[in-house]
């Protein structure tokens, strides 16, 4: 995820968008907004989205439809999604949401402190995950195709084999004990 990745907030009500932006602005992350599922998908597909806060029920493309589409594409399937709903607990919605792999389902009105904590954790964890994936790609590029990877030398399991110089902190003490 690029360093300029943003948290995309999606809701069809302007006042909810404003409230969510106000709650999250103290975190210092870049925030984006969308007022429909279609608009959210367009922004997600353009890249630069590291976390999606998504209203479930919107006219046209619903939040669940957005998640279903995202999970089918390799480039978007690992973006964490927090679904937001103002319609109270719903077993079918909960089951469908977690079945699609959303990170959380949050009921409105939203506690800003709890939301900031969740967002900080999910956004930072996603950034770390992508950084590790990039590091693995770079390390694999260093290994030439067809050439086995070099493994670091391990100490011999037989304790009778003398310790070589430079291995361990007490090398000099061991050398003195053997004489």
N, C-alpha and C. Protein backbone atom coordinates (compact mmCIF):
# COMPACT_ATOMS: atom_id res chain seq x y z
N UNK A 1 0.86 -1.17 0.00
CA UNK A 1 0.00 0.00 0.00
C UNK A 1 0.90 1.22 0.00
N UNK A 2 0.70 2.09 -0.92
CA UNK A 2 1.51 3.29 -0.98
C UNK A 2 1.35 4.13 0.28
N UNK A 3 2.36 4.96 0.54
CA UNK A 3 2.32 5.78 1.75
C UNK A 3 1.19 6.80 1.72
N UNK A 4 0.68 7.09 0.53
CA UNK A 4 -0.40 8.05 0.44
C UNK A 4 -1.78 7.38 0.42
N UNK A 5 -1.84 6.12 0.86
CA UNK A 5 -3.11 5.41 0.91
C UNK A 5 -4.06 6.12 1.87
N UNK A 6 -5.32 5.95 1.59
CA UNK A 6 -6.31 6.66 2.40
C UNK A 6 -7.33 5.68 2.98
N UNK A 7 -8.08 6.21 3.92
CA UNK A 7 -9.24 5.52 4.47
C UNK A 7 -10.43 6.08 3.73
N UNK A 8 -11.18 5.21 3.08
CA UNK A 8 -12.34 5.65 2.32
C UNK A 8 -13.59 5.45 3.16
N UNK A 9 -14.33 6.55 3.35
CA UNK A 9 -15.57 6.54 4.12
C UNK A 9 -16.72 6.63 3.13
N UNK A 10 -17.65 5.67 3.22
CA UNK A 10 -18.73 5.61 2.24
C UNK A 10 -20.08 5.59 2.95
N UNK A 11 -20.90 6.58 2.66
CA UNK A 11 -22.25 6.66 3.22
C UNK A 11 -23.06 7.57 2.33
N UNK A 12 -24.36 7.28 2.21
CA UNK A 12 -25.20 8.10 1.34
C UNK A 12 -25.77 9.32 2.07
N UNK A 13 -25.44 9.48 3.34
CA UNK A 13 -25.89 10.65 4.10
C UNK A 13 -24.71 11.55 4.40
N UNK A 14 -24.80 12.79 3.96
CA UNK A 14 -23.72 13.76 4.13
C UNK A 14 -23.38 13.99 5.60
N UNK A 15 -24.38 14.04 6.48
CA UNK A 15 -24.11 14.28 7.90
C UNK A 15 -23.32 13.13 8.52
N UNK A 16 -23.58 11.90 8.08
CA UNK A 16 -22.81 10.76 8.59
C UNK A 16 -21.37 10.82 8.10
N UNK A 17 -21.17 11.18 6.85
CA UNK A 17 -19.81 11.34 6.33
C UNK A 17 -19.04 12.38 7.14
N UNK A 18 -19.68 13.50 7.41
CA UNK A 18 -19.04 14.55 8.18
C UNK A 18 -18.69 14.06 9.59
N UNK A 19 -19.62 13.35 10.24
CA UNK A 19 -19.38 12.85 11.60
C UNK A 19 -18.21 11.85 11.62
N UNK A 20 -18.17 10.97 10.62
CA UNK A 20 -17.08 9.98 10.57
C UNK A 20 -15.74 10.66 10.29
N UNK A 21 -15.73 11.63 9.40
CA UNK A 21 -14.49 12.37 9.13
C UNK A 21 -14.02 13.11 10.38
N UNK A 22 -14.94 13.69 11.11
CA UNK A 22 -14.59 14.40 12.35
C UNK A 22 -14.04 13.44 13.40
N UNK A 23 -14.61 12.26 13.47
CA UNK A 23 -14.14 11.27 14.45
C UNK A 23 -12.75 10.75 14.10
N UNK A 24 -12.45 10.62 12.80
CA UNK A 24 -11.19 10.01 12.38
C UNK A 24 -10.07 11.01 12.11
N UNK A 25 -10.38 12.27 11.93
CA UNK A 25 -9.35 13.25 11.58
C UNK A 25 -8.22 13.35 12.62
N UNK A 26 -8.48 13.16 13.93
CA UNK A 26 -7.36 13.22 14.88
C UNK A 26 -6.28 12.16 14.66
N UNK A 27 -6.59 11.10 13.92
CA UNK A 27 -5.59 10.06 13.66
C UNK A 27 -4.52 10.52 12.68
N UNK A 28 -4.85 11.53 11.88
CA UNK A 28 -3.87 12.06 10.95
C UNK A 28 -3.75 11.30 9.64
N UNK A 29 -4.60 10.34 9.39
CA UNK A 29 -4.57 9.61 8.12
C UNK A 29 -5.27 10.42 7.04
N UNK A 30 -4.91 10.13 5.81
CA UNK A 30 -5.64 10.72 4.68
C UNK A 30 -7.02 10.09 4.61
N UNK A 31 -8.04 10.90 4.45
CA UNK A 31 -9.41 10.41 4.38
C UNK A 31 -10.00 10.75 3.01
N UNK A 32 -10.79 9.80 2.50
CA UNK A 32 -11.53 10.04 1.26
C UNK A 32 -12.99 9.77 1.55
N UNK A 33 -13.84 10.19 0.65
CA UNK A 33 -15.28 9.98 0.86
C UNK A 33 -15.94 9.59 -0.44
N UNK A 34 -17.03 8.85 -0.29
CA UNK A 34 -17.87 8.47 -1.42
C UNK A 34 -19.30 8.43 -0.90
N UNK A 35 -20.26 8.75 -1.77
CA UNK A 35 -21.66 8.78 -1.36
C UNK A 35 -22.48 7.64 -1.95
N UNK A 36 -21.82 6.71 -2.65
CA UNK A 36 -22.54 5.56 -3.22
C UNK A 36 -21.60 4.38 -3.35
N UNK A 37 -22.20 3.20 -3.51
CA UNK A 37 -21.40 2.00 -3.72
C UNK A 37 -20.62 2.05 -5.01
N UNK A 38 -21.24 2.59 -6.08
CA UNK A 38 -20.55 2.73 -7.37
C UNK A 38 -19.31 3.61 -7.24
N UNK A 39 -19.48 4.75 -6.60
CA UNK A 39 -18.37 5.68 -6.42
C UNK A 39 -17.27 5.04 -5.58
N UNK A 40 -17.66 4.28 -4.56
CA UNK A 40 -16.68 3.60 -3.71
C UNK A 40 -15.88 2.60 -4.52
N UNK A 41 -16.55 1.80 -5.34
CA UNK A 41 -15.85 0.81 -6.17
C UNK A 41 -14.86 1.47 -7.11
N UNK A 42 -15.24 2.59 -7.70
CA UNK A 42 -14.34 3.29 -8.61
C UNK A 42 -13.07 3.73 -7.88
N UNK A 43 -13.23 4.27 -6.68
CA UNK A 43 -12.06 4.72 -5.92
C UNK A 43 -11.19 3.55 -5.48
N UNK A 44 -11.83 2.48 -5.05
CA UNK A 44 -11.08 1.30 -4.62
C UNK A 44 -10.29 0.72 -5.79
N UNK A 45 -10.90 0.65 -6.96
CA UNK A 45 -10.23 0.08 -8.13
C UNK A 45 -9.09 0.96 -8.64
N UNK A 46 -9.15 2.25 -8.37
CA UNK A 46 -8.05 3.16 -8.74
C UNK A 46 -6.83 2.95 -7.83
N UNK A 47 -7.01 2.25 -6.73
CA UNK A 47 -5.92 2.03 -5.79
C UNK A 47 -5.91 3.10 -4.72
N UNK A 48 -4.89 3.08 -3.91
CA UNK A 48 -4.68 4.09 -2.86
C UNK A 48 -5.63 3.97 -1.68
N UNK A 49 -6.44 2.90 -1.59
CA UNK A 49 -7.34 2.73 -0.45
C UNK A 49 -6.77 1.63 0.44
N UNK A 50 -6.56 1.97 1.71
CA UNK A 50 -6.00 1.02 2.66
C UNK A 50 -7.01 0.51 3.67
N UNK A 51 -8.18 1.12 3.72
CA UNK A 51 -9.24 0.70 4.64
C UNK A 51 -10.54 1.32 4.14
N UNK A 52 -11.61 0.56 4.26
CA UNK A 52 -12.91 1.03 3.78
C UNK A 52 -13.91 0.99 4.93
N UNK A 53 -14.51 2.15 5.24
CA UNK A 53 -15.63 2.24 6.17
C UNK A 53 -16.86 2.39 5.31
N UNK A 54 -17.77 1.43 5.36
CA UNK A 54 -18.78 1.30 4.34
C UNK A 54 -20.17 1.09 4.93
N UNK A 55 -21.08 1.98 4.59
CA UNK A 55 -22.48 1.83 5.00
C UNK A 55 -23.06 0.61 4.29
N UNK A 56 -23.86 -0.17 5.01
CA UNK A 56 -24.44 -1.38 4.44
C UNK A 56 -25.55 -1.04 3.45
N UNK A 57 -26.49 -0.22 3.89
CA UNK A 57 -27.68 0.04 3.07
C UNK A 57 -27.61 1.41 2.42
N UNK A 58 -27.42 1.35 1.10
CA UNK A 58 -27.38 2.56 0.29
C UNK A 58 -28.20 2.29 -0.97
N UNK A 59 -28.75 3.33 -1.57
CA UNK A 59 -29.48 3.13 -2.82
C UNK A 59 -28.54 2.60 -3.91
N UNK A 60 -29.04 1.75 -4.77
CA UNK A 60 -28.22 1.20 -5.85
C UNK A 60 -27.36 0.07 -5.34
N UNK A 61 -26.06 0.23 -5.42
CA UNK A 61 -25.11 -0.79 -4.99
C UNK A 61 -24.94 -0.72 -3.48
N UNK A 62 -25.30 -1.79 -2.78
CA UNK A 62 -25.21 -1.80 -1.32
C UNK A 62 -23.77 -2.04 -0.87
N UNK A 63 -23.55 -1.84 0.43
CA UNK A 63 -22.24 -2.11 0.99
C UNK A 63 -21.82 -3.56 0.83
N UNK A 64 -22.76 -4.48 1.02
CA UNK A 64 -22.44 -5.90 0.83
C UNK A 64 -22.07 -6.20 -0.62
N UNK A 65 -22.75 -5.55 -1.56
CA UNK A 65 -22.41 -5.74 -2.98
C UNK A 65 -20.98 -5.27 -3.26
N UNK A 66 -20.59 -4.15 -2.66
CA UNK A 66 -19.22 -3.64 -2.83
C UNK A 66 -18.22 -4.65 -2.31
N UNK A 67 -18.48 -5.20 -1.12
CA UNK A 67 -17.55 -6.17 -0.53
C UNK A 67 -17.49 -7.43 -1.39
N UNK A 68 -18.63 -7.90 -1.86
CA UNK A 68 -18.64 -9.10 -2.72
C UNK A 68 -17.76 -8.89 -3.95
N UNK A 69 -17.87 -7.74 -4.57
CA UNK A 69 -17.08 -7.44 -5.76
C UNK A 69 -15.60 -7.35 -5.40
N UNK A 70 -15.28 -6.67 -4.31
CA UNK A 70 -13.88 -6.51 -3.89
C UNK A 70 -13.21 -7.85 -3.61
N UNK A 71 -13.93 -8.76 -3.01
CA UNK A 71 -13.35 -10.05 -2.63
C UNK A 71 -13.06 -10.94 -3.84
N UNK A 72 -13.65 -10.64 -4.98
CA UNK A 72 -13.40 -11.43 -6.19
C UNK A 72 -12.14 -10.99 -6.92
N UNK A 73 -11.63 -9.81 -6.61
CA UNK A 73 -10.46 -9.27 -7.31
C UNK A 73 -9.22 -9.36 -6.44
N UNK A 74 -8.15 -9.86 -7.02
CA UNK A 74 -6.91 -10.02 -6.26
C UNK A 74 -6.40 -8.71 -5.70
N UNK A 75 -6.50 -7.63 -6.47
CA UNK A 75 -5.95 -6.35 -6.03
C UNK A 75 -6.72 -5.73 -4.86
N UNK A 76 -7.96 -6.16 -4.63
CA UNK A 76 -8.77 -5.55 -3.57
C UNK A 76 -9.23 -6.52 -2.50
N UNK A 77 -8.95 -7.80 -2.67
CA UNK A 77 -9.54 -8.77 -1.76
C UNK A 77 -9.02 -8.70 -0.33
N UNK A 78 -7.87 -8.09 -0.12
CA UNK A 78 -7.31 -8.03 1.24
C UNK A 78 -7.48 -6.67 1.91
N UNK A 79 -8.16 -5.76 1.27
CA UNK A 79 -8.39 -4.45 1.89
C UNK A 79 -9.39 -4.65 3.03
N UNK A 80 -9.03 -4.23 4.25
CA UNK A 80 -9.96 -4.39 5.37
C UNK A 80 -11.20 -3.50 5.20
N UNK A 81 -12.34 -4.07 5.57
CA UNK A 81 -13.62 -3.37 5.45
C UNK A 81 -14.33 -3.39 6.80
N UNK A 82 -14.80 -2.23 7.23
CA UNK A 82 -15.67 -2.12 8.40
C UNK A 82 -17.03 -1.69 7.86
N UNK A 83 -18.03 -2.54 8.06
CA UNK A 83 -19.38 -2.21 7.62
C UNK A 83 -20.09 -1.43 8.72
N UNK A 84 -20.87 -0.45 8.32
CA UNK A 84 -21.62 0.40 9.25
C UNK A 84 -23.11 0.23 8.98
N UNK A 85 -23.90 0.06 10.03
CA UNK A 85 -25.34 -0.06 9.85
C UNK A 85 -26.09 0.68 10.94
N UNK A 86 -27.19 1.28 10.56
CA UNK A 86 -28.05 1.99 11.51
C UNK A 86 -29.34 1.25 11.77
N UNK A 87 -29.44 0.01 11.31
CA UNK A 87 -30.69 -0.73 11.43
C UNK A 87 -30.68 -1.78 12.52
N UNK A 88 -29.75 -1.70 13.44
CA UNK A 88 -29.73 -2.60 14.59
C UNK A 88 -29.22 -3.98 14.24
N UNK A 89 -29.14 -4.83 15.27
CA UNK A 89 -28.62 -6.18 15.07
C UNK A 89 -29.49 -6.98 14.09
N UNK A 90 -28.85 -7.66 13.18
CA UNK A 90 -29.52 -8.46 12.17
C UNK A 90 -28.66 -9.70 11.93
N UNK A 91 -29.17 -10.86 12.32
CA UNK A 91 -28.38 -12.09 12.24
C UNK A 91 -27.97 -12.41 10.80
N UNK A 92 -28.88 -12.21 9.85
CA UNK A 92 -28.56 -12.50 8.45
C UNK A 92 -27.47 -11.57 7.93
N UNK A 93 -27.57 -10.29 8.27
CA UNK A 93 -26.55 -9.33 7.85
C UNK A 93 -25.20 -9.69 8.46
N UNK A 94 -25.21 -9.97 9.75
CA UNK A 94 -23.97 -10.33 10.45
C UNK A 94 -23.34 -11.55 9.81
N UNK A 95 -24.12 -12.56 9.55
CA UNK A 95 -23.63 -13.80 8.93
C UNK A 95 -23.06 -13.53 7.54
N UNK A 96 -23.79 -12.76 6.74
CA UNK A 96 -23.31 -12.45 5.39
C UNK A 96 -22.03 -11.63 5.43
N UNK A 97 -21.99 -10.64 6.31
CA UNK A 97 -20.83 -9.74 6.41
C UNK A 97 -19.57 -10.51 6.79
N UNK A 98 -19.65 -11.28 7.85
CA UNK A 98 -18.46 -12.01 8.29
C UNK A 98 -18.12 -13.15 7.34
N UNK A 99 -19.12 -13.67 6.64
CA UNK A 99 -18.86 -14.67 5.61
C UNK A 99 -18.05 -14.10 4.46
N UNK A 100 -18.19 -12.82 4.22
CA UNK A 100 -17.42 -12.14 3.17
C UNK A 100 -16.05 -11.67 3.66
N UNK A 101 -15.80 -11.85 4.94
CA UNK A 101 -14.49 -11.50 5.48
C UNK A 101 -14.33 -10.06 5.90
N UNK A 102 -15.43 -9.39 6.27
CA UNK A 102 -15.26 -8.02 6.77
C UNK A 102 -14.56 -8.06 8.12
N UNK A 103 -13.87 -6.99 8.43
CA UNK A 103 -13.13 -6.92 9.70
C UNK A 103 -14.07 -6.70 10.88
N UNK A 104 -15.15 -5.92 10.65
CA UNK A 104 -16.08 -5.64 11.74
C UNK A 104 -17.38 -5.11 11.17
N UNK A 105 -18.43 -5.24 11.96
CA UNK A 105 -19.74 -4.70 11.65
C UNK A 105 -20.11 -3.80 12.83
N UNK A 106 -20.23 -2.51 12.58
CA UNK A 106 -20.43 -1.52 13.65
C UNK A 106 -21.82 -0.92 13.53
N UNK A 107 -22.50 -0.81 14.68
CA UNK A 107 -23.84 -0.22 14.72
C UNK A 107 -23.74 1.29 14.93
N UNK A 108 -24.59 2.02 14.22
CA UNK A 108 -24.70 3.47 14.40
C UNK A 108 -25.70 3.72 15.53
N UNK A 109 -25.56 4.75 16.31
CA UNK A 109 -24.49 5.75 16.30
C UNK A 109 -23.18 5.13 16.77
N UNK A 110 -22.11 5.65 16.25
CA UNK A 110 -20.78 5.07 16.46
C UNK A 110 -20.04 5.82 17.54
N UNK A 111 -19.41 5.07 18.44
CA UNK A 111 -18.55 5.64 19.47
C UNK A 111 -17.23 6.05 18.81
N UNK A 112 -16.92 7.35 18.77
CA UNK A 112 -15.70 7.79 18.07
C UNK A 112 -14.42 7.19 18.61
N UNK A 113 -14.33 6.99 19.93
CA UNK A 113 -13.12 6.42 20.53
C UNK A 113 -12.92 4.99 20.07
N UNK A 114 -13.97 4.21 20.10
CA UNK A 114 -13.88 2.80 19.66
C UNK A 114 -13.56 2.74 18.17
N UNK A 115 -14.18 3.61 17.38
CA UNK A 115 -13.92 3.62 15.95
C UNK A 115 -12.47 3.97 15.65
N UNK A 116 -11.94 4.97 16.32
CA UNK A 116 -10.53 5.35 16.09
C UNK A 116 -9.60 4.19 16.43
N UNK A 117 -9.88 3.50 17.51
CA UNK A 117 -9.04 2.37 17.91
C UNK A 117 -9.06 1.28 16.85
N UNK A 118 -10.25 0.93 16.38
CA UNK A 118 -10.38 -0.11 15.34
C UNK A 118 -9.69 0.32 14.06
N UNK A 119 -9.93 1.53 13.65
CA UNK A 119 -9.36 2.03 12.40
C UNK A 119 -7.83 2.05 12.48
N UNK A 120 -7.30 2.57 13.57
CA UNK A 120 -5.84 2.62 13.73
C UNK A 120 -5.25 1.22 13.63
N UNK A 121 -5.84 0.27 14.34
CA UNK A 121 -5.33 -1.09 14.33
C UNK A 121 -5.41 -1.70 12.92
N UNK A 122 -6.57 -1.63 12.30
CA UNK A 122 -6.77 -2.26 10.99
C UNK A 122 -5.90 -1.62 9.90
N UNK A 123 -5.85 -0.30 9.89
CA UNK A 123 -5.08 0.41 8.86
C UNK A 123 -3.59 0.11 9.02
N UNK A 124 -3.08 0.19 10.23
CA UNK A 124 -1.67 -0.07 10.48
C UNK A 124 -1.31 -1.53 10.22
N UNK A 125 -2.18 -2.46 10.61
CA UNK A 125 -1.92 -3.89 10.36
C UNK A 125 -1.89 -4.16 8.86
N UNK A 126 -2.78 -3.55 8.12
CA UNK A 126 -2.79 -3.74 6.67
C UNK A 126 -1.51 -3.17 6.04
N UNK A 127 -1.07 -2.02 6.51
CA UNK A 127 0.18 -1.44 6.00
C UNK A 127 1.37 -2.35 6.29
N UNK A 128 1.43 -2.90 7.52
CA UNK A 128 2.52 -3.81 7.86
C UNK A 128 2.49 -5.07 6.99
N UNK A 129 1.29 -5.59 6.77
CA UNK A 129 1.14 -6.79 5.94
C UNK A 129 1.66 -6.53 4.51
N UNK A 130 1.29 -5.40 3.95
CA UNK A 130 1.74 -5.08 2.59
C UNK A 130 3.24 -4.83 2.54
N UNK A 131 3.79 -4.23 3.58
CA UNK A 131 5.24 -4.00 3.63
C UNK A 131 5.98 -5.33 3.69
N UNK A 132 5.47 -6.29 4.45
CA UNK A 132 6.09 -7.61 4.51
C UNK A 132 6.00 -8.32 3.17
N UNK A 133 4.86 -8.22 2.50
CA UNK A 133 4.73 -8.82 1.16
C UNK A 133 5.74 -8.22 0.20
N UNK A 134 5.94 -6.90 0.26
CA UNK A 134 6.92 -6.24 -0.61
C UNK A 134 8.32 -6.73 -0.28
N UNK A 135 8.63 -6.88 0.99
CA UNK A 135 9.95 -7.35 1.38
C UNK A 135 10.20 -8.76 0.87
N UNK A 136 9.19 -9.63 0.95
CA UNK A 136 9.32 -11.00 0.45
C UNK A 136 9.58 -10.97 -1.06
N UNK A 137 8.85 -10.12 -1.80
CA UNK A 137 9.08 -10.01 -3.25
C UNK A 137 10.50 -9.57 -3.54
N UNK A 138 11.00 -8.60 -2.78
CA UNK A 138 12.36 -8.11 -3.00
C UNK A 138 13.39 -9.19 -2.68
N UNK A 139 13.17 -9.93 -1.62
CA UNK A 139 14.11 -11.00 -1.26
C UNK A 139 14.08 -12.12 -2.29
N UNK A 140 12.91 -12.45 -2.80
CA UNK A 140 12.82 -13.48 -3.84
C UNK A 140 13.52 -13.03 -5.11
N UNK A 141 13.49 -11.75 -5.39
CA UNK A 141 14.16 -11.24 -6.59
C UNK A 141 15.68 -11.36 -6.46
N UNK A 142 16.20 -11.40 -5.25
CA UNK A 142 17.64 -11.54 -5.03
C UNK A 142 18.12 -12.96 -5.28
N UNK A 143 17.22 -13.94 -5.15
CA UNK A 143 17.57 -15.33 -5.37
C UNK A 143 17.43 -15.60 -6.86
N UNK A 144 18.51 -16.09 -7.47
CA UNK A 144 18.47 -16.34 -8.91
C UNK A 144 17.61 -17.58 -9.18
N UNK A 145 16.82 -17.54 -10.25
CA UNK A 145 15.98 -18.70 -10.59
C UNK A 145 16.84 -19.95 -10.80
N UNK A 146 16.37 -21.06 -10.27
CA UNK A 146 17.09 -22.33 -10.40
C UNK A 146 18.21 -22.50 -9.40
N UNK A 147 18.50 -21.47 -8.64
CA UNK A 147 19.57 -21.54 -7.65
C UNK A 147 18.95 -21.71 -6.27
N UNK A 148 19.39 -22.73 -5.52
CA UNK A 148 18.80 -22.90 -4.19
C UNK A 148 19.17 -21.74 -3.28
N UNK A 149 18.26 -21.40 -2.41
CA UNK A 149 18.51 -20.31 -1.47
C UNK A 149 19.59 -20.73 -0.48
N UNK A 150 20.48 -19.80 -0.16
CA UNK A 150 21.53 -20.06 0.82
C UNK A 150 20.92 -20.06 2.21
N UNK A 151 21.19 -21.09 2.95
CA UNK A 151 20.71 -21.13 4.34
C UNK A 151 21.87 -20.82 5.27
N UNK A 152 21.60 -20.13 6.34
CA UNK A 152 22.70 -19.84 7.27
C UNK A 152 23.19 -21.13 7.93
N UNK A 153 24.49 -21.18 8.21
CA UNK A 153 25.07 -22.36 8.86
C UNK A 153 24.49 -22.50 10.26
N UNK A 154 24.16 -23.72 10.62
CA UNK A 154 23.64 -23.99 11.95
C UNK A 154 24.71 -24.69 12.77
N UNK A 155 24.69 -24.51 14.07
CA UNK A 155 25.67 -25.21 14.89
C UNK A 155 25.41 -26.72 14.83
N UNK A 156 26.49 -27.49 14.92
CA UNK A 156 26.38 -28.94 14.87
C UNK A 156 25.62 -29.43 16.11
N UNK A 157 24.69 -30.37 15.94
CA UNK A 157 23.91 -30.83 17.09
C UNK A 157 24.73 -31.66 18.08
N UNK A 158 25.87 -32.16 17.65
CA UNK A 158 26.71 -32.96 18.53
C UNK A 158 27.57 -32.02 19.37
N UNK A 159 27.40 -32.06 20.66
CA UNK A 159 28.09 -31.13 21.55
C UNK A 159 29.59 -31.35 21.56
N UNK A 160 30.08 -32.52 21.08
CA UNK A 160 31.51 -32.80 21.10
C UNK A 160 32.26 -32.07 19.98
N UNK A 161 31.53 -31.54 19.03
CA UNK A 161 32.18 -30.81 17.95
C UNK A 161 32.62 -29.46 18.50
N UNK A 162 33.89 -29.11 18.34
CA UNK A 162 34.37 -27.84 18.91
C UNK A 162 33.63 -26.64 18.31
N UNK A 163 33.42 -25.67 19.14
CA UNK A 163 32.78 -24.43 18.71
C UNK A 163 33.79 -23.64 17.90
N UNK A 164 33.35 -23.12 16.76
CA UNK A 164 34.24 -22.34 15.92
C UNK A 164 34.32 -20.92 16.44
N UNK A 165 35.44 -20.29 16.18
CA UNK A 165 35.61 -18.91 16.63
C UNK A 165 34.52 -18.02 16.03
N UNK A 166 34.04 -17.08 16.84
CA UNK A 166 33.04 -16.14 16.36
C UNK A 166 31.61 -16.62 16.60
N UNK A 167 31.43 -17.85 17.02
CA UNK A 167 30.08 -18.32 17.30
C UNK A 167 29.84 -18.25 18.79
N UNK A 168 28.89 -17.49 19.19
CA UNK A 168 28.53 -17.41 20.60
C UNK A 168 29.30 -16.33 21.32
N UNK A 169 28.80 -15.97 22.47
CA UNK A 169 29.37 -14.87 23.23
C UNK A 169 30.54 -15.33 24.09
N UNK A 170 30.62 -16.62 24.39
CA UNK A 170 31.62 -17.11 25.34
C UNK A 170 32.67 -17.94 24.63
N UNK A 171 33.06 -17.61 23.43
CA UNK A 171 34.00 -18.38 22.64
C UNK A 171 35.34 -18.49 23.36
N UNK A 172 35.85 -17.39 23.87
CA UNK A 172 37.15 -17.42 24.55
C UNK A 172 37.11 -18.28 25.79
N UNK A 173 36.02 -18.22 26.56
CA UNK A 173 35.91 -19.05 27.77
C UNK A 173 35.91 -20.52 27.40
N UNK A 174 35.22 -20.90 26.35
CA UNK A 174 35.18 -22.29 25.92
C UNK A 174 36.56 -22.76 25.46
N UNK A 175 37.28 -21.90 24.75
CA UNK A 175 38.64 -22.25 24.30
C UNK A 175 39.54 -22.50 25.51
N UNK A 176 39.43 -21.70 26.56
CA UNK A 176 40.26 -21.87 27.75
C UNK A 176 39.90 -23.15 28.48
N UNK A 177 38.59 -23.50 28.51
CA UNK A 177 38.15 -24.71 29.22
C UNK A 177 38.71 -25.98 28.55
N UNK A 178 38.90 -25.96 27.24
CA UNK A 178 39.37 -27.14 26.53
C UNK A 178 40.86 -27.36 26.72
N UNK A 179 41.61 -26.37 27.16
CA UNK A 179 43.05 -26.53 27.28
C UNK A 179 43.46 -26.99 28.64
